[in-house]
Amino acid sequence: MIISSNQIQHALQVYGAKRVDKAKNVQEAGTAQGMRQDSLNVSDEARLLQASLKAVREAPEVRAERIAALGEAVRSGTYHVTGEQIAEKMLGRSLADQTDLE
Protein backbone atom coordinates (compact mmCIF):
# COMPACT_ATOMS: atom_id res chain seq x y z
CA MET A 1 0.00 0.00 0.00
CA ILE A 2 1.37 3.37 -1.00
CA ILE A 3 0.42 6.43 1.02
CA SER A 4 0.53 9.70 -0.87
CA SER A 5 1.86 12.92 0.61
CA ASN A 6 -1.66 14.39 0.29
CA GLN A 7 -3.03 11.63 2.51
CA ILE A 8 -0.29 12.26 5.07
CA GLN A 9 -0.97 16.01 5.06
CA HIS A 10 -4.70 15.41 5.45
CA ALA A 11 -4.16 13.03 8.37
CA LEU A 12 -1.85 15.52 10.06
CA GLN A 13 -4.38 18.33 9.64
CA VAL A 14 -7.20 16.23 11.08
CA TYR A 15 -5.04 15.04 13.97
CA GLY A 16 -3.77 18.57 14.64
CA ALA A 17 -7.30 19.99 14.66
CA LYS A 18 -8.43 17.33 17.14
CA ARG A 19 -5.46 18.08 19.43
CA VAL A 20 -6.25 21.80 19.40
CA ASP A 21 -9.93 21.15 20.15
CA LYS A 22 -9.04 18.76 22.96
CA ALA A 23 -6.56 21.22 24.49
CA LYS A 24 -9.16 23.98 24.28
CA ASN A 25 -11.74 21.78 26.04
CA VAL A 26 -9.27 20.92 28.79
CA GLN A 27 -8.38 24.58 29.26
CA GLU A 28 -12.05 25.57 29.42
CA ALA A 29 -12.79 22.80 31.92
CA GLY A 30 -9.90 23.94 34.09
CA THR A 31 -11.14 27.52 34.02
CA ALA A 32 -14.68 26.45 34.82
CA GLN A 33 -13.56 24.42 37.83
CA GLY A 34 -11.24 27.12 39.07
CA MET A 35 -7.52 26.89 38.77
CA ARG A 36 -5.83 25.05 41.61
CA GLN A 37 -2.21 25.45 42.47
CA ASP A 38 -0.11 22.41 43.11
CA SER A 39 1.81 22.27 46.34
CA LEU A 40 4.36 19.94 47.84
CA ASN A 41 5.06 19.35 51.51
CA VAL A 42 8.31 17.61 52.35
CA SER A 43 8.67 16.02 55.77
CA ASP A 44 11.69 16.51 58.00
CA GLU A 45 12.52 12.85 57.48
CA ALA A 46 12.56 13.33 53.70
CA ARG A 47 14.80 16.39 54.06
CA LEU A 48 17.20 14.39 56.24
CA LEU A 49 17.21 11.55 53.72
CA GLN A 50 17.90 13.97 50.88
CA ALA A 51 20.78 15.58 52.79
CA SER A 52 22.20 12.15 53.62
CA LEU A 53 22.05 11.03 50.00
CA LYS A 54 23.78 14.22 48.91
CA ALA A 55 26.56 13.66 51.45
CA VAL A 56 27.05 10.08 50.27
CA ARG A 57 27.18 11.14 46.62
CA GLU A 58 29.75 13.83 47.38
CA ALA A 59 31.94 11.57 49.53
CA PRO A 60 34.94 9.98 47.86
CA GLU A 61 34.38 6.39 46.76
CA VAL A 62 37.37 5.01 48.61
CA ARG A 63 39.87 6.25 51.10
CA ALA A 64 42.99 5.76 49.03
CA GLU A 65 45.43 6.31 51.89
CA ARG A 66 43.70 3.74 54.10
CA ILE A 67 43.60 1.17 51.33
CA ALA A 68 47.26 1.72 50.50
CA ALA A 69 48.24 1.33 54.17
CA LEU A 70 46.20 -1.87 54.53
CA GLY A 71 47.64 -3.28 51.31
CA GLU A 72 51.16 -2.59 52.51
CA ALA A 73 50.42 -4.19 55.90
CA VAL A 74 49.08 -7.33 54.20
CA ARG A 75 52.10 -7.53 51.86
CA SER A 76 54.58 -7.06 54.68
CA GLY A 77 52.80 -9.56 56.94
CA THR A 78 52.08 -7.03 59.68
CA TYR A 79 48.30 -7.01 59.23
CA HIS A 80 46.72 -9.06 62.00
CA VAL A 81 43.06 -9.43 62.91
CA THR A 82 41.88 -11.36 65.95
CA GLY A 83 39.09 -13.89 65.84
CA GLU A 84 37.16 -11.64 68.20
CA GLN A 85 37.35 -8.74 65.73
CA ILE A 86 36.16 -10.98 62.90
CA ALA A 87 33.23 -12.31 64.98
CA GLU A 88 32.29 -8.79 66.06
CA LYS A 89 32.11 -7.58 62.45
CA MET A 90 30.17 -10.65 61.33
CA LEU A 91 27.59 -10.24 64.11
CA GLY A 92 27.33 -6.52 63.51
CA ARG A 93 26.69 -7.07 59.82
CA SER A 94 24.12 -9.78 60.58
CA LEU A 95 22.25 -7.49 62.97
CA ALA A 96 22.31 -4.66 60.45
CA ASP A 97 20.93 -6.96 57.75
CA GLN A 98 18.12 -8.14 60.05
CA THR A 99 17.24 -4.56 60.94
CA ASP A 100 17.00 -3.69 57.23
CA LEU A 101 14.51 -6.51 56.68
CA GLU A 102 12.11 -5.34 59.39
PDB file of N, CA and C in Angstrom:
ATOM      1  N   MET A   1       0.847  -1.170   0.000  1.00  0.00           N
ATOM      2  CA  MET A   1       0.000   0.000   0.000  1.00  0.00           C
ATOM      3  C   MET A   1       0.895   1.237   0.000  1.00  0.00           C
ATOM      4  N   ILE A   2       0.605   2.140  -0.886  1.00  0.00           N
ATOM      5  CA  ILE A   2       1.373   3.369  -0.997  1.00  0.00           C
ATOM      6  C   ILE A   2       0.522   4.504  -0.454  1.00  0.00           C
ATOM      7  N   ILE A   3       1.121   5.285   0.430  1.00  0.00           N
ATOM      8  CA  ILE A   3       0.420   6.429   1.017  1.00  0.00           C
ATOM      9  C   ILE A   3       0.984   7.689   0.382  1.00  0.00           C
ATOM     10  N   SER A   4       0.083   8.484  -0.192  1.00  0.00           N
ATOM     11  CA  SER A   4       0.533   9.703  -0.866  1.00  0.00           C
ATOM     12  C   SER A   4       0.808  10.803   0.157  1.00  0.00           C
ATOM     13  N   SER A   5       1.563  11.796  -0.278  1.00  0.00           N
ATOM     14  CA  SER A   5       1.860  12.921   0.610  1.00  0.00           C
ATOM     15  C   SER A   5       0.586  13.696   0.942  1.00  0.00           C
ATOM     16  N   ASN A   6      -0.382  13.716   0.014  1.00  0.00           N
ATOM     17  CA  ASN A   6      -1.659  14.387   0.288  1.00  0.00           C
ATOM     18  C   ASN A   6      -2.402  13.696   1.428  1.00  0.00           C
ATOM     19  N   GLN A   7      -2.368  12.369   1.435  1.00  0.00           N
ATOM     20  CA  GLN A   7      -3.028  11.626   2.505  1.00  0.00           C
ATOM     21  C   GLN A   7      -2.344  11.901   3.852  1.00  0.00           C
ATOM     22  N   ILE A   8      -1.037  11.974   3.837  1.00  0.00           N
ATOM     23  CA  ILE A   8      -0.294  12.260   5.066  1.00  0.00           C
ATOM     24  C   ILE A   8      -0.644  13.652   5.577  1.00  0.00           C
ATOM     25  N   GLN A   9      -0.653  14.636   4.663  1.00  0.00           N
ATOM     26  CA  GLN A   9      -0.974  16.006   5.058  1.00  0.00           C
ATOM     27  C   GLN A   9      -2.393  16.100   5.618  1.00  0.00           C
ATOM     28  N   HIS A  10      -3.316  15.391   4.982  1.00  0.00           N
ATOM     29  CA  HIS A  10      -4.701  15.410   5.448  1.00  0.00           C
ATOM     30  C   HIS A  10      -4.800  14.797   6.852  1.00  0.00           C
ATOM     31  N   ALA A  11      -4.136  13.688   7.058  1.00  0.00           N
ATOM     32  CA  ALA A  11      -4.164  13.031   8.366  1.00  0.00           C
ATOM     33  C   ALA A  11      -3.562  13.938   9.438  1.00  0.00           C
ATOM     34  N   LEU A  12      -2.476  14.614   9.102  1.00  0.00           N
ATOM     35  CA  LEU A  12      -1.847  15.522  10.062  1.00  0.00           C
ATOM     36  C   LEU A  12      -2.759  16.698  10.395  1.00  0.00           C
ATOM     37  N   GLN A  13      -3.464  17.215   9.390  1.00  0.00           N
ATOM     38  CA  GLN A  13      -4.377  18.328   9.636  1.00  0.00           C
ATOM     39  C   GLN A  13      -5.527  17.900  10.539  1.00  0.00           C
ATOM     40  N   VAL A  14      -6.090  16.732  10.269  1.00  0.00           N
ATOM     41  CA  VAL A  14      -7.201  16.232  11.083  1.00  0.00           C
ATOM     42  C   VAL A  14      -6.726  15.989  12.511  1.00  0.00           C
ATOM     43  N   TYR A  15      -5.585  15.338  12.651  1.00  0.00           N
ATOM     44  CA  TYR A  15      -5.037  15.044  13.975  1.00  0.00           C
ATOM     45  C   TYR A  15      -4.713  16.338  14.718  1.00  0.00           C
ATOM     46  N   GLY A  16      -4.108  17.290  14.025  1.00  0.00           N
ATOM     47  CA  GLY A  16      -3.772  18.573  14.643  1.00  0.00           C
ATOM     48  C   GLY A  16      -5.009  19.319  15.103  1.00  0.00           C
ATOM     49  N   ALA A  17      -6.055  19.309  14.297  1.00  0.00           N
ATOM     50  CA  ALA A  17      -7.296  19.991  14.661  1.00  0.00           C
ATOM     51  C   ALA A  17      -7.918  19.343  15.892  1.00  0.00           C
ATOM     52  N   LYS A  18      -7.878  18.029  15.978  1.00  0.00           N
ATOM     53  CA  LYS A  18      -8.433  17.335  17.141  1.00  0.00           C
ATOM     54  C   LYS A  18      -7.631  17.663  18.395  1.00  0.00           C
ATOM     55  N   ARG A  19      -6.304  17.755  18.269  1.00  0.00           N
ATOM     56  CA  ARG A  19      -5.456  18.080  19.425  1.00  0.00           C
ATOM     57  C   ARG A  19      -5.764  19.482  19.929  1.00  0.00           C
ATOM     58  N   VAL A  20      -5.946  20.427  19.005  1.00  0.00           N
ATOM     59  CA  VAL A  20      -6.250  21.805  19.398  1.00  0.00           C
ATOM     60  C   VAL A  20      -7.597  21.855  20.094  1.00  0.00           C
ATOM     61  N   ASP A  21      -8.608  21.165  19.532  1.00  0.00           N
ATOM     62  CA  ASP A  21      -9.932  21.148  20.148  1.00  0.00           C
ATOM     63  C   ASP A  21      -9.876  20.529  21.540  1.00  0.00           C
ATOM     64  N   LYS A  22      -9.143  19.442  21.678  1.00  0.00           N
ATOM     65  CA  LYS A  22      -9.037  18.759  22.964  1.00  0.00           C
ATOM     66  C   LYS A  22      -8.344  19.656  23.986  1.00  0.00           C
ATOM     67  N   ALA A  23      -7.279  20.317  23.590  1.00  0.00           N
ATOM     68  CA  ALA A  23      -6.561  21.220  24.493  1.00  0.00           C
ATOM     69  C   ALA A  23      -7.461  22.373  24.916  1.00  0.00           C
ATOM     70  N   LYS A  24      -8.247  22.871  23.980  1.00  0.00           N
ATOM     71  CA  LYS A  24      -9.159  23.978  24.277  1.00  0.00           C
ATOM     72  C   LYS A  24     -10.207  23.526  25.289  1.00  0.00           C
ATOM     73  N   ASN A  25     -10.743  22.312  25.113  1.00  0.00           N
ATOM     74  CA  ASN A  25     -11.742  21.782  26.044  1.00  0.00           C
ATOM     75  C   ASN A  25     -11.145  21.595  27.438  1.00  0.00           C
ATOM     76  N   VAL A  26      -9.928  21.110  27.505  1.00  0.00           N
ATOM     77  CA  VAL A  26      -9.266  20.917  28.794  1.00  0.00           C
ATOM     78  C   VAL A  26      -9.048  22.257  29.473  1.00  0.00           C
ATOM     79  N   GLN A  27      -8.621  23.250  28.707  1.00  0.00           N
ATOM     80  CA  GLN A  27      -8.384  24.581  29.265  1.00  0.00           C
ATOM     81  C   GLN A  27      -9.695  25.178  29.777  1.00  0.00           C
ATOM     82  N   GLU A  28     -10.758  25.033  29.009  1.00  0.00           N
ATOM     83  CA  GLU A  28     -12.052  25.569  29.423  1.00  0.00           C
ATOM     84  C   GLU A  28     -12.554  24.855  30.669  1.00  0.00           C
ATOM     85  N   ALA A  29     -12.360  23.552  30.743  1.00  0.00           N
ATOM     86  CA  ALA A  29     -12.788  22.795  31.920  1.00  0.00           C
ATOM     87  C   ALA A  29     -12.003  23.240  33.143  1.00  0.00           C
ATOM     88  N   GLY A  30     -10.723  23.472  32.980  1.00  0.00           N
ATOM     89  CA  GLY A  30      -9.896  23.939  34.090  1.00  0.00           C
ATOM     90  C   GLY A  30     -10.332  25.299  34.575  1.00  0.00           C
ATOM     91  N   THR A  31     -10.688  26.184  33.653  1.00  0.00           N
ATOM     92  CA  THR A  31     -11.137  27.525  34.019  1.00  0.00           C
ATOM     93  C   THR A  31     -12.488  27.451  34.708  1.00  0.00           C
ATOM     94  N   ALA A  32     -13.358  26.573  34.234  1.00  0.00           N
ATOM     95  CA  ALA A  32     -14.679  26.446  34.821  1.00  0.00           C
ATOM     96  C   ALA A  32     -14.594  25.903  36.247  1.00  0.00           C
ATOM     97  N   GLN A  33     -13.685  25.007  36.506  1.00  0.00           N
ATOM     98  CA  GLN A  33     -13.558  24.417  37.835  1.00  0.00           C
ATOM     99  C   GLN A  33     -12.749  25.302  38.772  1.00  0.00           C
ATOM    100  N   GLY A  34     -12.112  26.287  38.242  1.00  0.00           N
ATOM    101  CA  GLY A  34     -11.241  27.123  39.066  1.00  0.00           C
ATOM    102  C   GLY A  34      -9.841  26.531  39.050  1.00  0.00           C
ATOM    103  N   MET A  35      -8.891  27.379  38.853  1.00  0.00           N
ATOM    104  CA  MET A  35      -7.516  26.888  38.768  1.00  0.00           C
ATOM    105  C   MET A  35      -7.000  26.599  40.168  1.00  0.00           C
ATOM    106  N   ARG A  36      -6.427  25.431  40.335  1.00  0.00           N
ATOM    107  CA  ARG A  36      -5.834  25.055  41.611  1.00  0.00           C
ATOM    108  C   ARG A  36      -4.325  25.063  41.461  1.00  0.00           C
ATOM    109  N   GLN A  37      -3.659  25.479  42.497  1.00  0.00           N
ATOM    110  CA  GLN A  37      -2.210  25.446  42.472  1.00  0.00           C
ATOM    111  C   GLN A  37      -1.741  24.153  43.111  1.00  0.00           C
ATOM    112  N   ASP A  38      -0.711  23.591  42.530  1.00  0.00           N
ATOM    113  CA  ASP A  38      -0.106  22.408  43.108  1.00  0.00           C
ATOM    114  C   ASP A  38       0.806  22.828  44.245  1.00  0.00           C
ATOM    115  N   SER A  39       0.890  21.985  45.245  1.00  0.00           N
ATOM    116  CA  SER A  39       1.814  22.267  46.338  1.00  0.00           C
ATOM    117  C   SER A  39       2.472  20.961  46.764  1.00  0.00           C
ATOM    118  N   LEU A  40       3.597  21.098  47.412  1.00  0.00           N
ATOM    119  CA  LEU A  40       4.360  19.936  47.844  1.00  0.00           C
ATOM    120  C   LEU A  40       4.860  20.191  49.249  1.00  0.00           C
ATOM    121  N   ASN A  41       4.568  19.263  50.138  1.00  0.00           N
ATOM    122  CA  ASN A  41       5.061  19.349  51.507  1.00  0.00           C
ATOM    123  C   ASN A  41       6.061  18.225  51.715  1.00  0.00           C
ATOM    124  N   VAL A  42       7.252  18.593  52.139  1.00  0.00           N
ATOM    125  CA  VAL A  42       8.307  17.608  52.348  1.00  0.00           C
ATOM    126  C   VAL A  42       8.532  17.477  53.846  1.00  0.00           C
ATOM    127  N   SER A  43       8.497  16.246  54.338  1.00  0.00           N
ATOM    128  CA  SER A  43       8.670  16.019  55.767  1.00  0.00           C
ATOM    129  C   SER A  43      10.125  16.214  56.176  1.00  0.00           C
ATOM    130  N   ASP A  44      10.326  16.383  57.473  1.00  0.00           N
ATOM    131  CA  ASP A  44      11.689  16.514  57.997  1.00  0.00           C
ATOM    132  C   ASP A  44      12.502  15.260  57.699  1.00  0.00           C
ATOM    133  N   GLU A  45      11.837  14.114  57.765  1.00  0.00           N
ATOM    134  CA  GLU A  45      12.520  12.846  57.476  1.00  0.00           C
ATOM    135  C   GLU A  45      12.999  12.812  56.024  1.00  0.00           C
ATOM    136  N   ALA A  46      12.175  13.299  55.113  1.00  0.00           N
ATOM    137  CA  ALA A  46      12.561  13.330  53.697  1.00  0.00           C
ATOM    138  C   ALA A  46      13.716  14.297  53.478  1.00  0.00           C
ATOM    139  N   ARG A  47      13.689  15.437  54.172  1.00  0.00           N
ATOM    140  CA  ARG A  47      14.804  16.387  54.061  1.00  0.00           C
ATOM    141  C   ARG A  47      16.104  15.769  54.564  1.00  0.00           C
ATOM    142  N   LEU A  48      16.024  15.054  55.685  1.00  0.00           N
ATOM    143  CA  LEU A  48      17.203  14.391  56.237  1.00  0.00           C
ATOM    144  C   LEU A  48      17.725  13.335  55.271  1.00  0.00           C
ATOM    145  N   LEU A  49      16.815  12.562  54.689  1.00  0.00           N
ATOM    146  CA  LEU A  49      17.215  11.547  53.719  1.00  0.00           C
ATOM    147  C   LEU A  49      17.882  12.191  52.515  1.00  0.00           C
ATOM    148  N   GLN A  50      17.321  13.282  52.031  1.00  0.00           N
ATOM    149  CA  GLN A  50      17.895  13.971  50.879  1.00  0.00           C
ATOM    150  C   GLN A  50      19.291  14.500  51.208  1.00  0.00           C
ATOM    151  N   ALA A  51      19.464  15.073  52.384  1.00  0.00           N
ATOM    152  CA  ALA A  51      20.777  15.581  52.791  1.00  0.00           C
ATOM    153  C   ALA A  51      21.780  14.441  52.935  1.00  0.00           C
ATOM    154  N   SER A  52      21.322  13.311  53.464  1.00  0.00           N
ATOM    155  CA  SER A  52      22.200  12.147  53.616  1.00  0.00           C
ATOM    156  C   SER A  52      22.640  11.611  52.261  1.00  0.00           C
ATOM    157  N   LEU A  53      21.707  11.513  51.337  1.00  0.00           N
ATOM    158  CA  LEU A  53      22.048  11.030  49.997  1.00  0.00           C
ATOM    159  C   LEU A  53      23.037  11.959  49.313  1.00  0.00           C
ATOM    160  N   LYS A  54      22.855  13.255  49.502  1.00  0.00           N
ATOM    161  CA  LYS A  54      23.776  14.223  48.912  1.00  0.00           C
ATOM    162  C   LYS A  54      25.173  14.045  49.491  1.00  0.00           C
ATOM    163  N   ALA A  55      25.258  13.851  50.804  1.00  0.00           N
ATOM    164  CA  ALA A  55      26.560  13.663  51.449  1.00  0.00           C
ATOM    165  C   ALA A  55      27.245  12.398  50.948  1.00  0.00           C
ATOM    166  N   VAL A  56      26.473  11.337  50.764  1.00  0.00           N
ATOM    167  CA  VAL A  56      27.047  10.080  50.268  1.00  0.00           C
ATOM    168  C   VAL A  56      27.545  10.251  48.841  1.00  0.00           C
ATOM    169  N   ARG A  57      26.767  10.938  48.018  1.00  0.00           N
ATOM    170  CA  ARG A  57      27.177  11.141  46.625  1.00  0.00           C
ATOM    171  C   ARG A  57      28.444  11.988  46.520  1.00  0.00           C
ATOM    172  N   GLU A  58      28.592  12.944  47.435  1.00  0.00           N
ATOM    173  CA  GLU A  58      29.745  13.830  47.381  1.00  0.00           C
ATOM    174  C   GLU A  58      30.982  13.239  48.049  1.00  0.00           C
ATOM    175  N   ALA A  59      30.800  12.193  48.842  1.00  0.00           N
ATOM    176  CA  ALA A  59      31.936  11.575  49.533  1.00  0.00           C
ATOM    177  C   ALA A  59      32.792  10.806  48.530  1.00  0.00           C
ATOM    178  N   PRO A  60      34.094  10.752  48.768  1.00  0.00           N
ATOM    179  CA  PRO A  60      34.941   9.975  47.861  1.00  0.00           C
ATOM    180  C   PRO A  60      34.582   8.494  47.938  1.00  0.00           C
ATOM    181  N   GLU A  61      34.732   7.808  46.827  1.00  0.00           N
ATOM    182  CA  GLU A  61      34.376   6.392  46.756  1.00  0.00           C
ATOM    183  C   GLU A  61      35.209   5.548  47.713  1.00  0.00           C
ATOM    184  N   VAL A  62      36.477   5.801  47.762  1.00  0.00           N
ATOM    185  CA  VAL A  62      37.372   5.010  48.610  1.00  0.00           C
ATOM    186  C   VAL A  62      38.349   5.940  49.302  1.00  0.00           C
ATOM    187  N   ARG A  63      38.832   5.485  50.412  1.00  0.00           N
ATOM    188  CA  ARG A  63      39.871   6.247  51.104  1.00  0.00           C
ATOM    189  C   ARG A  63      41.205   5.671  50.666  1.00  0.00           C
ATOM    190  N   ALA A  64      41.794   6.290  49.680  1.00  0.00           N
ATOM    191  CA  ALA A  64      42.994   5.764  49.029  1.00  0.00           C
ATOM    192  C   ALA A  64      44.133   5.541  50.012  1.00  0.00           C
ATOM    193  N   GLU A  65      44.321   6.463  50.943  1.00  0.00           N
ATOM    194  CA  GLU A  65      45.427   6.312  51.890  1.00  0.00           C
ATOM    195  C   GLU A  65      45.232   5.081  52.764  1.00  0.00           C
ATOM    196  N   ARG A  66      44.003   4.887  53.232  1.00  0.00           N
ATOM    197  CA  ARG A  66      43.696   3.737  54.104  1.00  0.00           C
ATOM    198  C   ARG A  66      43.897   2.432  53.349  1.00  0.00           C
ATOM    199  N   ILE A  67      43.447   2.389  52.130  1.00  0.00           N
ATOM    200  CA  ILE A  67      43.597   1.170  51.328  1.00  0.00           C
ATOM    201  C   ILE A  67      45.065   0.879  51.061  1.00  0.00           C
ATOM    202  N   ALA A  68      45.824   1.914  50.748  1.00  0.00           N
ATOM    203  CA  ALA A  68      47.258   1.724  50.499  1.00  0.00           C
ATOM    204  C   ALA A  68      47.959   1.208  51.750  1.00  0.00           C
ATOM    205  N   ALA A  69      47.616   1.764  52.910  1.00  0.00           N
ATOM    206  CA  ALA A  69      48.237   1.327  54.166  1.00  0.00           C
ATOM    207  C   ALA A  69      47.879  -0.118  54.483  1.00  0.00           C
ATOM    208  N   LEU A  70      46.616  -0.484  54.280  1.00  0.00           N
ATOM    209  CA  LEU A  70      46.205  -1.868  54.534  1.00  0.00           C
ATOM    210  C   LEU A  70      46.880  -2.825  53.562  1.00  0.00           C
ATOM    211  N   GLY A  71      46.965  -2.434  52.308  1.00  0.00           N
ATOM    212  CA  GLY A  71      47.637  -3.277  51.312  1.00  0.00           C
ATOM    213  C   GLY A  71      49.092  -3.509  51.666  1.00  0.00           C
ATOM    214  N   GLU A  72      49.750  -2.466  52.112  1.00  0.00           N
ATOM    215  CA  GLU A  72      51.157  -2.592  52.511  1.00  0.00           C
ATOM    216  C   GLU A  72      51.296  -3.487  53.738  1.00  0.00           C
ATOM    217  N   ALA A  73      50.381  -3.353  54.701  1.00  0.00           N
ATOM    218  CA  ALA A  73      50.424  -4.192  55.902  1.00  0.00           C
ATOM    219  C   ALA A  73      50.215  -5.659  55.553  1.00  0.00           C
ATOM    220  N   VAL A  74      49.309  -5.936  54.626  1.00  0.00           N
ATOM    221  CA  VAL A  74      49.079  -7.325  54.199  1.00  0.00           C
ATOM    222  C   VAL A  74      50.316  -7.868  53.498  1.00  0.00           C
ATOM    223  N   ARG A  75      50.902  -7.080  52.593  1.00  0.00           N
ATOM    224  CA  ARG A  75      52.099  -7.528  51.860  1.00  0.00           C
ATOM    225  C   ARG A  75      53.286  -7.777  52.791  1.00  0.00           C
ATOM    226  N   SER A  76      53.423  -6.927  53.789  1.00  0.00           N
ATOM    227  CA  SER A  76      54.581  -7.064  54.684  1.00  0.00           C
ATOM    228  C   SER A  76      54.341  -8.067  55.802  1.00  0.00           C
ATOM    229  N   GLY A  77      53.105  -8.559  55.922  1.00  0.00           N
ATOM    230  CA  GLY A  77      52.796  -9.556  56.941  1.00  0.00           C
ATOM    231  C   GLY A  77      52.534  -8.963  58.311  1.00  0.00           C
ATOM    232  N   THR A  78      52.328  -7.669  58.390  1.00  0.00           N
ATOM    233  CA  THR A  78      52.077  -7.028  59.685  1.00  0.00           C
ATOM    234  C   THR A  78      50.591  -6.778  59.947  1.00  0.00           C
ATOM    235  N   TYR A  79      49.738  -7.197  59.044  1.00  0.00           N
ATOM    236  CA  TYR A  79      48.299  -7.008  59.225  1.00  0.00           C
ATOM    237  C   TYR A  79      47.755  -8.212  59.974  1.00  0.00           C
ATOM    238  N   HIS A  80      47.251  -7.975  61.176  1.00  0.00           N
ATOM    239  CA  HIS A  80      46.718  -9.062  62.000  1.00  0.00           C
ATOM    240  C   HIS A  80      45.335  -8.683  62.509  1.00  0.00           C
ATOM    241  N   VAL A  81      44.419  -9.618  62.414  1.00  0.00           N
ATOM    242  CA  VAL A  81      43.062  -9.432  62.905  1.00  0.00           C
ATOM    243  C   VAL A  81      42.761 -10.598  63.830  1.00  0.00           C
ATOM    244  N   THR A  82      42.209 -10.296  64.999  1.00  0.00           N
ATOM    245  CA  THR A  82      41.884 -11.359  65.948  1.00  0.00           C
ATOM    246  C   THR A  82      40.561 -12.005  65.568  1.00  0.00           C
ATOM    247  N   GLY A  83      40.356 -13.204  66.056  1.00  0.00           N
ATOM    248  CA  GLY A  83      39.091 -13.892  65.845  1.00  0.00           C
ATOM    249  C   GLY A  83      37.932 -13.115  66.438  1.00  0.00           C
ATOM    250  N   GLU A  84      38.188 -12.450  67.554  1.00  0.00           N
ATOM    251  CA  GLU A  84      37.156 -11.641  68.199  1.00  0.00           C
ATOM    252  C   GLU A  84      36.728 -10.480  67.295  1.00  0.00           C
ATOM    253  N   GLN A  85      37.681  -9.845  66.636  1.00  0.00           N
ATOM    254  CA  GLN A  85      37.353  -8.744  65.727  1.00  0.00           C
ATOM    255  C   GLN A  85      36.531  -9.238  64.538  1.00  0.00           C
ATOM    256  N   ILE A  86      36.902 -10.400  64.028  1.00  0.00           N
ATOM    257  CA  ILE A  86      36.156 -10.978  62.898  1.00  0.00           C
ATOM    258  C   ILE A  86      34.727 -11.292  63.323  1.00  0.00           C
ATOM    259  N   ALA A  87      34.566 -11.952  64.486  1.00  0.00           N
ATOM    260  CA  ALA A  87      33.235 -12.311  64.982  1.00  0.00           C
ATOM    261  C   ALA A  87      32.392 -11.061  65.222  1.00  0.00           C
ATOM    262  N   GLU A  88      33.009 -10.035  65.785  1.00  0.00           N
ATOM    263  CA  GLU A  88      32.291  -8.792  66.060  1.00  0.00           C
ATOM    264  C   GLU A  88      31.744  -8.176  64.773  1.00  0.00           C
ATOM    265  N   LYS A  89      32.552  -8.140  63.736  1.00  0.00           N
ATOM    266  CA  LYS A  89      32.111  -7.576  62.453  1.00  0.00           C
ATOM    267  C   LYS A  89      31.016  -8.431  61.818  1.00  0.00           C
ATOM    268  N   MET A  90      31.175  -9.761  61.912  1.00  0.00           N
ATOM    269  CA  MET A  90      30.166 -10.651  61.329  1.00  0.00           C
ATOM    270  C   MET A  90      28.820 -10.472  62.027  1.00  0.00           C
ATOM    271  N   LEU A  91      28.832 -10.420  63.361  1.00  0.00           N
ATOM    272  CA  LEU A  91      27.585 -10.245  64.108  1.00  0.00           C
ATOM    273  C   LEU A  91      26.979  -8.870  63.852  1.00  0.00           C
ATOM    274  N   GLY A  92      27.821  -7.866  63.796  1.00  0.00           N
ATOM    275  CA  GLY A  92      27.328  -6.519  63.514  1.00  0.00           C
ATOM    276  C   GLY A  92      26.653  -6.439  62.158  1.00  0.00           C
ATOM    277  N   ARG A  93      27.263  -7.071  61.164  1.00  0.00           N
ATOM    278  CA  ARG A  93      26.690  -7.071  59.816  1.00  0.00           C
ATOM    279  C   ARG A  93      25.378  -7.840  59.800  1.00  0.00           C
ATOM    280  N   SER A  94      25.337  -8.974  60.519  1.00  0.00           N
ATOM    281  CA  SER A  94      24.124  -9.779  60.577  1.00  0.00           C
ATOM    282  C   SER A  94      22.984  -8.995  61.219  1.00  0.00           C
ATOM    283  N   LEU A  95      23.278  -8.301  62.313  1.00  0.00           N
ATOM    284  CA  LEU A  95      22.251  -7.491  62.974  1.00  0.00           C
ATOM    285  C   LEU A  95      21.775  -6.358  62.074  1.00  0.00           C
ATOM    286  N   ALA A  96      22.686  -5.740  61.370  1.00  0.00           N
ATOM    287  CA  ALA A  96      22.311  -4.659  60.452  1.00  0.00           C
ATOM    288  C   ALA A  96      21.420  -5.187  59.338  1.00  0.00           C
ATOM    289  N   ASP A  97      21.745  -6.364  58.814  1.00  0.00           N
ATOM    290  CA  ASP A  97      20.931  -6.961  57.751  1.00  0.00           C
ATOM    291  C   ASP A  97      19.530  -7.287  58.258  1.00  0.00           C
ATOM    292  N   GLN A  98      19.430  -7.811  59.478  1.00  0.00           N
ATOM    293  CA  GLN A  98      18.120  -8.144  60.047  1.00  0.00           C
ATOM    294  C   GLN A  98      17.301  -6.883  60.281  1.00  0.00           C
ATOM    295  N   THR A  99      17.936  -5.822  60.706  1.00  0.00           N
ATOM    296  CA  THR A  99      17.242  -4.557  60.937  1.00  0.00           C
ATOM    297  C   THR A  99      16.696  -4.008  59.629  1.00  0.00           C
ATOM    298  N   ASP A 100      17.454  -4.168  58.538  1.00  0.00           N
ATOM    299  CA  ASP A 100      17.004  -3.694  57.229  1.00  0.00           C
ATOM    300  C   ASP A 100      15.770  -4.438  56.759  1.00  0.00           C
ATOM    301  N   LEU A 101      15.630  -5.704  57.133  1.00  0.00           N
ATOM    302  CA  LEU A 101      14.509  -6.515  56.679  1.00  0.00           C
ATOM    303  C   LEU A 101      13.219  -6.169  57.411  1.00  0.00           C
ATOM    304  N   GLU A 102      13.312  -5.627  58.588  1.00  0.00           N
ATOM    305  CA  GLU A 102      12.113  -5.342  59.389  1.00  0.00           C
ATOM    306  C   GLU A 102      11.442  -4.075  58.980  1.00  0.00           C
TER     307      GLU A 102
END
